[in-house]
N, C-alpha and C. Protein backbone atom coordinates (compact mmCIF):
# COMPACT_ATOMS: atom_id res chain seq x y z
N MET A 1 0.57 -1.09 -0.08
CA MET A 1 -0.18 0.00 -0.13
C MET A 1 0.65 1.17 0.05
N THR A 2 0.44 2.10 -0.75
CA THR A 2 1.08 3.66 -0.64
C THR A 2 0.13 4.63 0.03
N ARG A 3 0.86 5.24 1.03
CA ARG A 3 0.22 6.40 1.32
C ARG A 3 0.19 7.91 0.30
N TRP A 4 -1.04 7.91 0.27
CA TRP A 4 -1.24 9.09 -0.49
C TRP A 4 -1.52 10.62 0.45
N LEU A 5 -1.06 11.71 0.55
CA LEU A 5 -1.47 12.73 1.13
C LEU A 5 -1.71 13.76 0.33
N PHE A 6 -2.84 14.42 0.76
CA PHE A 6 -3.48 15.20 -0.30
C PHE A 6 -3.63 16.53 0.35
N VAL A 7 -3.16 17.62 -0.06
CA VAL A 7 -3.22 19.08 0.52
C VAL A 7 -3.81 20.17 -0.57
N ARG A 8 -5.11 20.55 -0.04
CA ARG A 8 -5.30 22.18 -0.76
C ARG A 8 -4.44 23.14 -0.58
N HIS A 9 -3.92 23.86 -1.25
CA HIS A 9 -2.91 25.29 -1.20
C HIS A 9 -3.41 25.92 0.06
N GLY A 10 -2.91 27.03 0.69
CA GLY A 10 -3.28 27.75 1.47
C GLY A 10 -4.23 28.82 1.56
N GLU A 11 -4.71 29.79 1.67
CA GLU A 11 -5.55 30.69 1.40
C GLU A 11 -4.84 31.49 0.24
N SER A 12 -5.68 31.64 -0.75
CA SER A 12 -5.45 32.21 -1.91
C SER A 12 -5.90 33.87 -1.74
N THR A 13 -5.28 34.70 -2.73
CA THR A 13 -5.82 35.90 -2.58
C THR A 13 -7.25 35.83 -3.22
N ALA A 14 -7.71 35.10 -3.87
CA ALA A 14 -8.95 34.57 -4.44
C ALA A 14 -9.96 34.05 -3.42
N ASN A 15 -9.58 33.42 -2.71
CA ASN A 15 -10.21 32.70 -1.50
C ASN A 15 -10.81 33.76 -0.52
N GLN A 16 -9.65 34.62 -0.64
CA GLN A 16 -10.20 35.93 0.54
C GLN A 16 -10.98 36.83 -0.12
N ALA A 17 -10.98 37.18 -1.21
CA ALA A 17 -11.67 38.12 -1.86
C ALA A 17 -13.23 37.31 -2.30
N GLN A 18 -13.26 35.87 -2.30
CA GLN A 18 -14.61 34.84 -2.61
C GLN A 18 -14.94 35.02 -3.96
N VAL A 19 -13.72 35.01 -5.09
CA VAL A 19 -14.02 34.81 -6.16
C VAL A 19 -13.60 33.54 -6.58
N PHE A 20 -13.91 33.28 -7.90
CA PHE A 20 -13.38 31.92 -8.51
C PHE A 20 -11.98 32.27 -9.09
N SER A 21 -11.00 31.46 -8.88
CA SER A 21 -9.79 31.87 -9.66
C SER A 21 -9.23 30.72 -10.75
N GLY A 22 -9.59 29.49 -10.56
CA GLY A 22 -9.41 28.58 -11.74
C GLY A 22 -8.02 28.06 -11.88
N HIS A 23 -7.96 28.47 -13.42
CA HIS A 23 -6.41 28.36 -13.73
C HIS A 23 -5.52 29.84 -13.66
N THR A 24 -6.39 31.02 -13.25
CA THR A 24 -6.02 32.17 -12.92
C THR A 24 -4.46 31.91 -11.80
N ASP A 25 -3.66 32.53 -11.80
CA ASP A 25 -2.30 32.31 -11.26
C ASP A 25 -2.18 33.28 -10.09
N VAL A 26 -3.07 32.73 -9.04
CA VAL A 26 -3.29 33.97 -7.79
C VAL A 26 -2.30 33.22 -6.88
N PRO A 27 -1.79 34.47 -5.88
CA PRO A 27 -0.76 34.03 -4.63
C PRO A 27 -1.55 33.86 -3.45
N LEU A 28 -0.78 33.19 -2.43
CA LEU A 28 -1.15 33.10 -1.31
C LEU A 28 -1.14 34.54 -0.51
N THR A 29 -2.31 34.19 0.26
CA THR A 29 -2.35 35.62 1.42
C THR A 29 -1.14 35.49 2.52
N PRO A 30 -0.85 36.10 3.43
CA PRO A 30 -0.08 36.38 4.40
C PRO A 30 -0.34 35.20 5.35
N TYR A 31 -2.02 35.09 5.47
CA TYR A 31 -2.28 33.82 6.22
C TYR A 31 -2.42 32.66 5.41
N GLY A 32 -2.56 32.57 4.40
CA GLY A 32 -2.28 31.31 3.49
C GLY A 32 -0.88 30.58 3.70
N ARG A 33 0.02 31.54 3.80
CA ARG A 33 1.61 31.05 3.86
C ARG A 33 1.73 30.61 5.41
N GLN A 34 0.89 31.59 6.56
CA GLN A 34 1.20 30.87 7.93
C GLN A 34 0.25 29.36 7.87
N GLN A 35 -0.67 29.22 7.05
CA GLN A 35 -1.49 27.88 6.88
C GLN A 35 -0.73 26.80 6.44
N ALA A 36 0.16 27.15 5.33
CA ALA A 36 0.98 26.28 4.60
C ALA A 36 2.22 26.01 5.59
N GLU A 37 2.95 26.88 6.56
CA GLU A 37 3.82 26.24 7.40
C GLU A 37 3.39 25.54 8.39
N ALA A 38 2.27 25.96 8.91
CA ALA A 38 1.61 25.11 10.31
C ALA A 38 1.21 23.57 9.56
N CYS A 39 0.79 23.63 8.26
CA CYS A 39 0.72 22.25 7.96
C CYS A 39 1.87 21.04 7.86
N GLY A 40 3.19 22.07 7.68
CA GLY A 40 3.98 21.09 7.73
C GLY A 40 4.77 20.49 8.60
N HIS A 41 4.37 21.35 9.78
CA HIS A 41 4.72 20.70 11.12
C HIS A 41 3.63 19.20 11.39
N THR A 42 2.43 19.36 10.66
CA THR A 42 1.94 17.83 11.11
C THR A 42 2.26 16.89 9.76
N LEU A 43 3.34 17.15 9.29
CA LEU A 43 3.42 16.16 8.09
C LEU A 43 3.70 15.04 8.49
N GLN A 44 5.03 14.73 9.52
CA GLN A 44 6.10 13.80 10.01
C GLN A 44 4.79 12.59 10.75
N PRO A 45 3.91 13.29 11.54
CA PRO A 45 2.84 12.24 12.19
C PRO A 45 1.69 11.93 11.01
N ARG A 46 1.57 12.53 9.82
CA ARG A 46 0.65 12.11 9.08
C ARG A 46 1.39 10.91 8.43
N LEU A 47 2.47 10.62 8.18
CA LEU A 47 3.61 9.86 7.21
C LEU A 47 3.73 8.66 8.18
N ASP A 48 3.43 8.67 9.46
CA ASP A 48 3.45 7.59 10.43
C ASP A 48 4.28 6.24 10.35
N GLY A 49 5.52 7.00 10.03
CA GLY A 49 6.55 6.34 10.33
C GLY A 49 7.20 5.83 8.51
N ARG A 50 6.67 6.08 7.84
CA ARG A 50 6.80 6.13 6.31
C ARG A 50 7.88 7.21 5.64
N THR A 51 8.32 6.73 4.94
CA THR A 51 9.54 8.00 3.88
C THR A 51 8.94 8.73 3.19
N LEU A 52 8.90 10.02 2.87
CA LEU A 52 8.27 10.68 1.85
C LEU A 52 9.17 10.09 0.81
N HIS A 53 8.62 9.58 -0.54
CA HIS A 53 9.27 9.61 -1.93
C HIS A 53 9.22 10.78 -2.76
N ALA A 54 7.91 11.06 -2.95
CA ALA A 54 7.81 12.15 -3.80
C ALA A 54 6.83 13.13 -3.44
N VAL A 55 7.18 14.33 -3.93
CA VAL A 55 6.16 15.51 -4.00
C VAL A 55 5.75 16.00 -5.48
N TRP A 56 4.50 16.27 -5.38
CA TRP A 56 3.85 16.63 -6.84
C TRP A 56 2.77 17.67 -6.58
N SER A 57 3.22 18.62 -7.65
CA SER A 57 2.07 19.99 -6.83
C SER A 57 1.67 20.38 -8.54
N SER A 58 0.73 20.99 -8.47
CA SER A 58 0.24 21.80 -9.46
C SER A 58 1.15 22.84 -9.69
N ASP A 59 1.02 23.49 -11.16
CA ASP A 59 2.41 24.46 -11.31
C ASP A 59 1.83 25.69 -10.84
N LEU A 60 0.49 26.01 -10.52
CA LEU A 60 0.22 27.64 -10.07
C LEU A 60 0.97 27.58 -8.87
N HIS A 61 1.24 28.97 -8.54
CA HIS A 61 1.86 29.41 -7.45
C HIS A 61 1.32 29.15 -6.22
N ARG A 62 -0.06 29.11 -5.97
CA ARG A 62 -0.45 29.17 -4.72
C ARG A 62 -0.30 27.36 -4.48
N ALA A 63 0.02 26.45 -5.33
CA ALA A 63 0.30 25.17 -4.84
C ALA A 63 2.02 25.18 -4.45
N THR A 64 2.40 25.62 -5.55
CA THR A 64 3.90 25.24 -5.42
C THR A 64 4.51 25.98 -4.10
N ASP A 65 3.97 27.32 -3.97
CA ASP A 65 4.59 27.84 -2.63
C ASP A 65 3.98 26.90 -1.27
N THR A 66 2.66 26.08 -1.73
CA THR A 66 2.21 25.87 -0.32
C THR A 66 3.22 24.51 -0.24
N ALA A 67 3.52 23.80 -1.26
CA ALA A 67 4.48 22.61 -1.12
C ALA A 67 5.45 22.99 -0.81
N ALA A 68 6.36 23.89 -1.05
CA ALA A 68 7.69 24.52 -0.80
C ALA A 68 7.99 24.49 0.91
N SER A 69 6.62 25.42 1.03
CA SER A 69 6.50 25.67 2.64
C SER A 69 6.45 24.61 3.69
N ILE A 70 5.60 23.63 3.05
CA ILE A 70 5.42 22.34 3.96
C ILE A 70 6.55 21.54 4.15
N LEU A 71 7.43 21.53 3.27
CA LEU A 71 8.66 20.63 3.14
C LEU A 71 9.68 21.48 4.18
N ARG A 72 9.68 22.66 3.73
CA ARG A 72 10.69 23.47 4.78
C ARG A 72 9.96 23.41 6.23
N SER A 73 9.05 23.34 6.56
CA SER A 73 8.37 23.33 8.20
C SER A 73 8.80 21.81 8.27
N ALA A 74 8.57 20.87 7.69
CA ALA A 74 8.66 19.31 8.46
C ALA A 74 10.13 19.02 7.86
N LYS A 75 11.20 20.26 7.40
CA LYS A 75 12.51 19.72 7.21
C LYS A 75 12.83 18.44 6.65
N ILE A 76 12.30 18.44 5.36
CA ILE A 76 12.43 17.02 4.51
C ILE A 76 12.55 17.86 3.25
N MET A 77 13.88 17.12 2.93
CA MET A 77 14.85 17.77 1.50
C MET A 77 14.60 16.92 0.58
N LEU A 78 13.38 17.35 -0.19
CA LEU A 78 12.96 16.87 -1.48
C LEU A 78 12.62 17.93 -2.53
N PRO A 79 12.66 17.69 -3.92
CA PRO A 79 12.30 18.68 -4.78
C PRO A 79 10.67 18.82 -4.77
N VAL A 80 10.23 19.54 -5.27
CA VAL A 80 8.71 19.81 -5.50
C VAL A 80 8.48 19.52 -7.10
N ASP A 81 8.17 18.41 -7.45
CA ASP A 81 7.99 18.08 -8.86
C ASP A 81 6.14 18.97 -9.12
N THR A 82 6.41 19.52 -10.38
CA THR A 82 5.29 20.08 -10.78
C THR A 82 4.31 19.53 -12.24
N HIS A 83 3.06 19.78 -12.27
CA HIS A 83 2.44 19.17 -13.31
C HIS A 83 1.05 20.06 -13.47
N PRO A 84 0.74 20.40 -15.03
CA PRO A 84 -0.41 21.01 -15.10
C PRO A 84 -1.62 19.89 -15.08
N ALA A 85 -1.59 18.86 -14.93
CA ALA A 85 -2.84 18.06 -14.81
C ALA A 85 -3.36 18.13 -13.54
N LEU A 86 -2.08 18.63 -12.34
CA LEU A 86 -3.07 18.82 -11.13
C LEU A 86 -3.19 20.50 -10.93
N ARG A 87 -3.62 21.12 -12.05
CA ARG A 87 -4.30 22.35 -11.71
C ARG A 87 -5.44 22.30 -11.16
N GLU A 88 -6.32 23.41 -10.82
CA GLU A 88 -7.76 23.92 -10.37
C GLU A 88 -8.17 23.80 -11.88
N GLN A 89 -9.52 23.05 -11.48
CA GLN A 89 -10.87 23.40 -12.44
C GLN A 89 -10.55 24.73 -13.36
N ASN A 90 -10.25 24.63 -14.66
CA ASN A 90 -10.47 25.66 -15.31
C ASN A 90 -12.00 26.03 -15.53
N LEU A 91 -12.36 27.48 -14.95
CA LEU A 91 -13.57 27.50 -14.77
C LEU A 91 -13.96 28.63 -15.89
N GLY A 92 -13.12 28.87 -17.08
CA GLY A 92 -13.69 29.96 -18.21
C GLY A 92 -13.96 31.07 -17.74
N GLU A 93 -15.10 31.51 -18.29
CA GLU A 93 -15.99 33.09 -18.24
C GLU A 93 -16.37 33.17 -16.67
N TRP A 94 -16.24 31.97 -16.02
CA TRP A 94 -16.40 32.41 -14.23
C TRP A 94 -15.22 33.15 -13.55
N GLU A 95 -14.01 32.77 -14.17
CA GLU A 95 -12.69 33.14 -13.50
C GLU A 95 -12.81 34.69 -12.95
N GLY A 96 -12.14 35.02 -11.81
CA GLY A 96 -12.34 36.28 -11.68
C GLY A 96 -14.06 36.71 -11.22
N GLN A 97 -14.76 36.26 -11.18
CA GLN A 97 -16.09 36.38 -10.87
C GLN A 97 -16.52 36.11 -9.49
N PRO A 98 -17.16 37.15 -8.53
CA PRO A 98 -17.73 36.63 -7.64
C PRO A 98 -18.43 35.04 -7.32
N ILE A 99 -18.03 34.15 -6.02
CA ILE A 99 -18.69 32.98 -6.25
C ILE A 99 -20.06 33.24 -5.93
N ALA A 100 -20.54 34.08 -5.21
CA ALA A 100 -22.10 34.06 -4.94
C ALA A 100 -22.54 34.34 -5.78
N VAL A 101 -21.92 35.36 -6.82
CA VAL A 101 -22.94 35.85 -7.59
C VAL A 101 -23.21 34.84 -8.70
N VAL A 102 -22.02 33.94 -9.17
CA VAL A 102 -22.09 33.04 -10.38
C VAL A 102 -22.95 31.96 -9.74
N GLN A 103 -23.31 31.35 -8.28
CA GLN A 103 -23.84 30.67 -7.57
C GLN A 103 -25.79 31.11 -8.04
N SER A 104 -25.38 32.07 -7.53
CA SER A 104 -27.11 32.93 -7.73
C SER A 104 -27.57 32.68 -9.05
N GLN A 105 -26.67 33.31 -10.11
CA GLN A 105 -27.05 33.34 -11.57
C GLN A 105 -27.63 31.87 -11.70
N HIS A 106 -26.68 30.76 -11.31
CA HIS A 106 -26.75 29.43 -12.11
C HIS A 106 -27.32 28.41 -11.12
N SER A 107 -28.01 28.86 -10.19
CA SER A 107 -28.64 27.69 -9.21
C SER A 107 -29.77 27.00 -9.54
N GLN A 108 -30.37 27.35 -10.46
CA GLN A 108 -31.63 26.58 -10.80
C GLN A 108 -31.26 25.66 -11.88
N LYS A 109 -29.98 25.71 -12.28
CA LYS A 109 -29.42 24.38 -13.14
C LYS A 109 -28.58 23.20 -12.45
N GLY A 110 -28.68 23.67 -11.12
CA GLY A 110 -27.56 22.85 -10.19
C GLY A 110 -26.30 23.51 -9.61
N SER A 111 -25.77 22.87 -8.91
CA SER A 111 -24.47 23.64 -8.30
C SER A 111 -23.41 23.93 -9.46
N PRO A 112 -22.92 25.22 -9.50
CA PRO A 112 -22.09 25.28 -10.60
C PRO A 112 -20.66 24.23 -10.71
N MET A 113 -20.53 23.74 -9.39
CA MET A 113 -19.74 22.67 -9.53
C MET A 113 -19.85 21.34 -9.59
N ALA A 114 -20.95 20.98 -9.79
CA ALA A 114 -21.31 19.68 -10.50
C ALA A 114 -20.36 19.02 -11.26
N TRP A 115 -20.53 17.72 -11.03
CA TRP A 115 -19.39 16.51 -11.96
C TRP A 115 -19.67 16.81 -13.19
N ASN A 116 -20.67 17.30 -13.85
CA ASN A 116 -20.58 17.31 -15.53
C ASN A 116 -20.99 18.48 -15.85
N ARG A 117 -21.00 19.76 -15.22
CA ARG A 117 -21.20 21.04 -15.24
C ARG A 117 -19.72 21.69 -15.59
N LYS A 118 -20.06 22.50 -16.91
CA LYS A 118 -18.92 23.34 -17.21
C LYS A 118 -19.25 24.87 -17.24
N ALA A 119 -18.28 25.46 -16.81
CA ALA A 119 -18.23 27.07 -16.75
C ALA A 119 -18.38 27.22 -18.35
N PRO A 120 -18.74 28.36 -18.86
CA PRO A 120 -18.53 28.60 -20.36
C PRO A 120 -16.79 29.10 -20.77
N GLY A 121 -16.48 27.96 -21.64
CA GLY A 121 -14.98 27.95 -21.92
C GLY A 121 -14.05 27.15 -20.76
N GLY A 122 -14.97 26.41 -19.72
CA GLY A 122 -14.12 25.77 -18.71
C GLY A 122 -14.03 24.12 -18.84
N GLU A 123 -14.06 23.74 -17.75
CA GLU A 123 -13.99 22.29 -17.39
C GLU A 123 -14.70 21.55 -16.56
N SER A 124 -15.41 20.59 -16.75
CA SER A 124 -16.31 19.97 -15.67
C SER A 124 -15.18 19.39 -14.77
N LEU A 125 -15.79 18.92 -13.48
CA LEU A 125 -14.78 18.04 -12.26
C LEU A 125 -14.63 16.78 -13.35
N ARG A 126 -15.35 16.24 -14.06
CA ARG A 126 -15.17 15.13 -14.53
C ARG A 126 -13.93 15.23 -15.32
N ASP A 127 -13.86 16.32 -16.33
CA ASP A 127 -12.46 16.54 -17.40
C ASP A 127 -11.45 16.75 -16.38
N VAL A 128 -11.55 17.12 -15.00
CA VAL A 128 -10.01 17.33 -14.07
C VAL A 128 -9.77 15.99 -13.89
N ALA A 129 -11.05 14.96 -13.39
CA ALA A 129 -10.47 13.97 -12.65
C ALA A 129 -9.92 13.22 -14.04
N ARG A 130 -9.90 13.27 -15.18
CA ARG A 130 -9.54 12.54 -16.44
C ARG A 130 -8.21 13.01 -16.47
N ARG A 131 -7.80 14.17 -16.59
CA ARG A 131 -6.47 14.47 -16.83
C ARG A 131 -5.64 14.28 -15.80
N ALA A 132 -6.23 14.52 -14.32
CA ALA A 132 -5.38 13.99 -12.99
C ALA A 132 -5.11 12.48 -12.85
N VAL A 133 -6.30 11.59 -12.91
CA VAL A 133 -6.40 10.27 -12.81
C VAL A 133 -5.15 9.69 -14.17
N GLU A 134 -5.22 10.23 -15.23
CA GLU A 134 -4.26 10.05 -16.34
C GLU A 134 -2.65 10.22 -15.80
N PHE A 135 -2.76 11.22 -14.96
CA PHE A 135 -1.22 11.70 -15.21
C PHE A 135 -0.82 10.53 -13.79
N LEU A 136 -1.85 10.77 -12.81
CA LEU A 136 -1.47 9.78 -11.46
C LEU A 136 -1.00 8.52 -11.94
N THR A 137 -1.51 7.56 -12.90
CA THR A 137 -1.34 6.56 -13.19
C THR A 137 0.29 6.58 -13.74
N THR A 138 1.25 7.34 -13.79
CA THR A 138 2.39 7.54 -14.16
C THR A 138 3.14 7.62 -13.20
N VAL A 139 2.50 8.02 -12.07
CA VAL A 139 3.46 8.34 -10.93
C VAL A 139 3.93 6.94 -10.19
N GLU A 140 5.30 6.93 -9.51
CA GLU A 140 5.69 5.64 -9.23
C GLU A 140 5.34 5.50 -7.84
N PRO A 141 4.39 4.65 -7.34
CA PRO A 141 3.86 4.46 -5.88
C PRO A 141 4.93 3.66 -4.97
N LYS A 142 5.49 4.60 -4.41
CA LYS A 142 6.37 4.16 -3.32
C LYS A 142 5.63 3.89 -2.04
N GLU A 143 6.35 4.22 -1.12
CA GLU A 143 5.63 4.41 0.32
C GLU A 143 4.74 5.43 0.61
N SER A 144 5.35 6.57 0.10
CA SER A 144 3.97 7.95 0.26
C SER A 144 4.46 8.78 -0.52
N VAL A 145 3.38 9.34 -1.19
CA VAL A 145 3.40 10.66 -2.17
C VAL A 145 2.59 11.86 -1.53
N LEU A 146 2.91 13.06 -1.43
CA LEU A 146 2.31 13.98 -1.22
C LEU A 146 1.79 14.68 -2.51
N ILE A 147 0.92 15.13 -2.41
CA ILE A 147 -0.26 15.72 -3.98
C ILE A 147 -0.47 17.31 -3.43
N VAL A 148 0.02 18.16 -3.85
CA VAL A 148 -0.53 19.71 -3.41
C VAL A 148 -1.14 19.98 -4.78
N GLY A 149 -2.60 20.43 -4.16
CA GLY A 149 -3.07 20.73 -5.56
C GLY A 149 -4.18 21.93 -5.07
N HIS A 150 -5.72 21.52 -5.50
CA HIS A 150 -6.57 22.78 -5.60
C HIS A 150 -7.94 22.14 -5.17
N GLY A 151 -8.97 22.85 -4.48
CA GLY A 151 -10.23 22.52 -4.04
C GLY A 151 -10.93 21.80 -5.01
N GLY A 152 -11.02 21.73 -5.94
CA GLY A 152 -11.96 21.39 -7.02
C GLY A 152 -11.32 20.05 -7.60
N LEU A 153 -9.72 19.77 -7.73
CA LEU A 153 -9.23 18.69 -8.07
C LEU A 153 -9.12 17.80 -6.95
N LEU A 154 -9.06 18.31 -5.66
CA LEU A 154 -9.08 17.33 -4.54
C LEU A 154 -10.52 16.46 -4.59
N ARG A 155 -11.67 17.53 -4.74
CA ARG A 155 -13.04 16.94 -4.86
C ARG A 155 -12.93 15.86 -5.65
N ALA A 156 -12.44 15.81 -6.84
CA ALA A 156 -12.84 15.05 -7.86
C ALA A 156 -11.88 13.61 -7.16
N LEU A 157 -10.76 13.76 -7.06
CA LEU A 157 -9.94 12.80 -6.65
C LEU A 157 -10.56 11.85 -5.32
N LEU A 158 -10.77 12.61 -4.30
CA LEU A 158 -11.29 12.03 -3.00
C LEU A 158 -12.59 11.60 -3.23
N GLY A 159 -13.47 11.90 -4.25
CA GLY A 159 -14.49 11.44 -4.59
C GLY A 159 -14.48 10.28 -5.16
N LEU A 160 -13.64 10.05 -5.95
CA LEU A 160 -13.38 8.89 -6.74
C LEU A 160 -12.82 7.68 -5.76
N ILE A 161 -11.70 8.02 -5.02
CA ILE A 161 -11.05 7.10 -4.29
C ILE A 161 -12.26 6.37 -3.43
N ASP A 162 -13.33 7.70 -2.52
CA ASP A 162 -13.67 7.22 -1.45
C ASP A 162 -15.40 6.61 -2.05
N GLY A 163 -15.58 6.67 -3.59
CA GLY A 163 -17.03 6.03 -4.00
C GLY A 163 -18.07 7.10 -3.74
N VAL A 164 -17.79 8.21 -3.39
CA VAL A 164 -18.59 9.13 -3.48
C VAL A 164 -19.63 9.26 -4.51
N PRO A 165 -21.11 9.27 -4.41
CA PRO A 165 -21.64 9.57 -5.70
C PRO A 165 -21.42 10.85 -6.73
N GLU A 166 -21.19 10.42 -8.06
CA GLU A 166 -21.25 11.80 -8.62
C GLU A 166 -21.79 12.76 -8.58
N SER A 167 -23.22 12.71 -8.12
CA SER A 167 -23.98 14.04 -7.82
C SER A 167 -23.60 14.76 -6.43
N GLU A 168 -22.81 14.19 -5.65
CA GLU A 168 -22.36 14.77 -4.62
C GLU A 168 -20.67 15.29 -4.27
N ILE A 169 -20.26 14.48 -5.69
CA ILE A 169 -18.87 15.01 -5.53
C ILE A 169 -18.47 16.49 -5.43
N GLY A 170 -19.09 17.57 -6.06
CA GLY A 170 -19.03 19.02 -6.04
C GLY A 170 -19.24 19.44 -5.03
N ALA A 171 -19.73 18.82 -4.11
CA ALA A 171 -20.32 19.69 -2.26
C ALA A 171 -19.20 19.38 -1.82
N THR A 172 -18.55 18.58 -1.60
CA THR A 172 -17.55 17.90 -0.61
C THR A 172 -16.70 19.19 -0.46
N GLU A 173 -16.37 19.60 0.75
CA GLU A 173 -15.93 20.53 1.20
C GLU A 173 -14.16 20.07 1.36
N ILE A 174 -13.30 20.77 1.15
CA ILE A 174 -11.84 20.72 1.48
C ILE A 174 -11.03 21.63 1.69
N PRO A 175 -10.44 21.59 3.11
CA PRO A 175 -10.46 22.73 4.26
C PRO A 175 -8.67 23.21 3.26
N ASN A 176 -8.39 24.39 3.68
CA ASN A 176 -7.47 25.15 3.02
C ASN A 176 -6.11 24.33 3.91
N ALA A 177 -4.84 23.90 3.19
CA ALA A 177 -3.85 23.55 3.82
C ALA A 177 -3.90 22.74 5.10
N GLN A 178 -4.62 21.58 4.79
CA GLN A 178 -4.66 20.50 5.85
C GLN A 178 -4.44 18.83 5.06
N ILE A 179 -4.13 18.11 5.99
CA ILE A 179 -3.38 16.77 5.14
C ILE A 179 -4.39 16.10 5.01
N ILE A 180 -4.95 15.51 4.07
CA ILE A 180 -5.80 14.44 3.86
C ILE A 180 -5.30 12.75 3.48
N THR A 181 -5.39 12.07 4.07
CA THR A 181 -4.38 10.84 3.46
C THR A 181 -5.50 9.84 3.19
N ARG A 182 -4.94 8.88 2.20
CA ARG A 182 -5.45 7.56 1.66
C ARG A 182 -4.67 6.60 1.61
N ASP A 183 -4.74 5.64 1.88
CA ASP A 183 -3.70 4.33 1.55
C ASP A 183 -4.37 3.65 0.73
N LEU A 184 -3.39 3.51 -0.43
CA LEU A 184 -4.09 2.74 -1.88
C LEU A 184 -3.21 1.74 -2.12
N ALA A 185 -3.87 0.52 -2.81
CA ALA A 185 -3.15 -0.08 -3.59
C ALA A 185 -2.25 0.63 -4.63
N LYS A 186 -1.18 -0.73 -4.93
CA LYS A 186 -0.11 0.14 -5.86
C LYS A 186 -0.96 0.34 -7.15
N ASP A 187 -2.17 -0.27 -7.66
CA ASP A 187 -2.73 -0.33 -8.99
C ASP A 187 -3.92 0.63 -8.86
N ALA A 188 -4.22 1.39 -7.90
CA ALA A 188 -5.39 2.01 -7.54
C ALA A 188 -5.57 3.03 -8.50
N TRP A 189 -4.91 3.78 -8.95
CA TRP A 189 -5.38 5.01 -10.10
C TRP A 189 -5.22 4.50 -11.43
N SER A 190 -4.67 3.09 -11.71
CA SER A 190 -5.14 2.46 -12.95
C SER A 190 -6.34 1.60 -13.17
N ARG A 191 -6.62 1.41 -12.03
CA ARG A 191 -8.20 0.57 -11.54
C ARG A 191 -9.23 1.92 -11.78
N ILE A 192 -8.96 2.81 -11.17
CA ILE A 192 -9.78 4.32 -11.36
C ILE A 192 -9.59 4.45 -12.78
N ALA A 193 -8.64 4.66 -13.47
CA ALA A 193 -8.56 5.42 -14.99
C ALA A 193 -9.37 4.15 -15.68
N ILE A 194 -9.22 2.87 -15.52
CA ILE A 194 -10.07 2.02 -16.07
C ILE A 194 -11.61 2.56 -16.25
N THR A 195 -12.07 2.93 -15.05
CA THR A 195 -13.48 3.23 -15.13
C THR A 195 -13.92 4.69 -15.59
N LEU A 196 -13.01 5.42 -14.99
CA LEU A 196 -13.31 7.14 -15.72
C LEU A 196 -12.64 7.05 -17.10
N LEU A 197 -11.85 6.36 -17.51
CA LEU A 197 -11.32 6.98 -18.76
C LEU A 197 -12.02 6.11 -20.22
N GLY A 198 -12.31 4.85 -19.55
CA GLY A 198 -13.11 3.66 -20.45
C GLY A 198 -12.02 3.06 -21.24
């Protein structure tokens, strides 16, 4: 079994302003940097004696900065590898828009974050899951792997791991800068990919 540790980035300026960011490369707030540092102090206990073999992050700065801060605080000397497949959901025309406004304008069609729902010019959570799972099948599963990403990304991945009904995946709350662990069989992502990618 491999221990996978999932972390959403610390508070970003978009989180603070309560606007959608998606692929927009917004920075962490000072509080977000504090959250990331505090998260690092919890890493070793969550490894439960395992060696951390790899750190993969979204290539957006709010995630890479969080990953680097976690490793610094945990005193672990590993590179932070990045991949665009771990980016947040592309929210197209909704990026930069107030979350409350988008939700009120589109509530009659269900949650804007629904599994198969797309913003104009954007991705659905299913699209995010497909690109992320396809990438994760290429990551060598050793004792433990840290993934630092985004709320939408982690909703999709954890929902698939946990067998959450597709209709509920978009409603899952993912806190900033807190470690969520799952112990998975070596072939777990390949099995998920077979179902998801057909």
